[in-house]
Amino acid sequence: MQAKIEQVIKTVLESETISEESKPLILEKLHEWKEEKDALAEVSVRFETWWMEMEPIFAELGWI
């Protein structure tokens, strides 16, 4: 699990699509999750919630 989070951290740091303002916030949360046992479940739930909010917007734009 920690190795996967390390990979995500590396990807966030190298990403050109994530704003510089957002990176520190994302990295802070990733470092917190790295220390938690149930981190994967929390990440999954957060992404699912995000997708449920964003899917109608993406559909309206014709992206999905």
Protein backbone atom coordinates (compact mmCIF):
# COMPACT_ATOMS: atom_id res chain seq x y z
CA MET A 1 0.00 0.00 0.00
CA GLN A 2 2.71 2.46 0.93
CA ALA A 3 4.54 1.75 -2.32
CA LYS A 4 1.40 2.60 -4.30
CA ILE A 5 0.95 5.85 -2.42
CA GLU A 6 4.63 6.69 -3.07
CA GLN A 7 3.96 6.18 -6.79
CA VAL A 8 0.94 8.49 -6.63
CA ILE A 9 3.02 11.12 -4.81
CA LYS A 10 5.67 10.91 -7.54
CA THR A 11 3.00 11.22 -10.23
CA VAL A 12 1.44 14.27 -8.54
CA LEU A 13 4.84 15.96 -8.25
CA GLU A 14 5.60 15.38 -11.94
CA SER A 15 2.11 16.23 -13.22
CA GLU A 16 1.67 19.24 -15.44
CA THR A 17 -2.14 19.04 -15.29
CA ILE A 18 -2.40 19.54 -11.52
CA SER A 19 -2.17 23.19 -10.50
CA GLU A 20 0.72 24.32 -8.33
CA GLU A 21 -1.81 25.56 -5.75
CA SER A 22 -3.42 22.11 -5.49
CA LYS A 23 -0.25 20.03 -5.31
CA PRO A 24 0.67 20.85 -1.68
CA LEU A 25 -2.87 20.06 -0.52
CA ILE A 26 -2.96 16.77 -2.40
CA LEU A 27 0.51 15.79 -1.18
CA GLU A 28 -0.38 16.60 2.42
CA LYS A 29 -3.39 14.27 2.29
CA LEU A 30 -1.37 11.54 0.54
CA HIS A 31 1.28 11.66 3.26
CA GLU A 32 -1.47 11.31 5.88
CA TRP A 33 -2.99 8.34 4.04
CA LYS A 34 0.40 6.71 3.70
CA GLU A 35 0.43 6.27 7.48
CA GLU A 36 -3.10 4.88 7.74
CA LYS A 37 -4.08 1.23 7.36
CA ASP A 38 -7.45 1.95 5.77
CA ALA A 39 -6.11 4.52 3.32
CA LEU A 40 -7.12 2.61 0.20
CA ALA A 41 -10.75 2.48 1.27
CA GLU A 42 -10.79 6.21 1.99
CA VAL A 43 -9.21 7.06 -1.37
CA SER A 44 -11.71 4.85 -3.16
CA VAL A 45 -14.68 6.46 -1.42
CA ARG A 46 -13.42 9.97 -2.10
CA PHE A 47 -12.87 9.29 -5.81
CA GLU A 48 -16.29 7.63 -6.07
CA THR A 49 -17.91 10.66 -4.44
CA TRP A 50 -15.99 13.00 -6.73
CA TRP A 51 -17.04 11.02 -9.79
CA MET A 52 -20.71 11.10 -8.77
CA GLU A 53 -20.49 14.90 -8.56
CA MET A 54 -18.52 15.37 -11.78
CA GLU A 55 -20.16 12.80 -14.08
CA PRO A 56 -23.18 15.00 -14.95
CA ILE A 57 -20.86 17.90 -15.76
CA PHE A 58 -18.68 15.74 -18.00
CA ALA A 59 -21.79 14.33 -19.69
CA GLU A 60 -23.14 17.82 -20.33
CA LEU A 61 -19.83 18.77 -21.93
CA GLY A 62 -20.03 15.65 -24.10
CA TRP A 63 -16.84 14.16 -22.63
CA ILE A 64 -18.50 10.87 -21.67
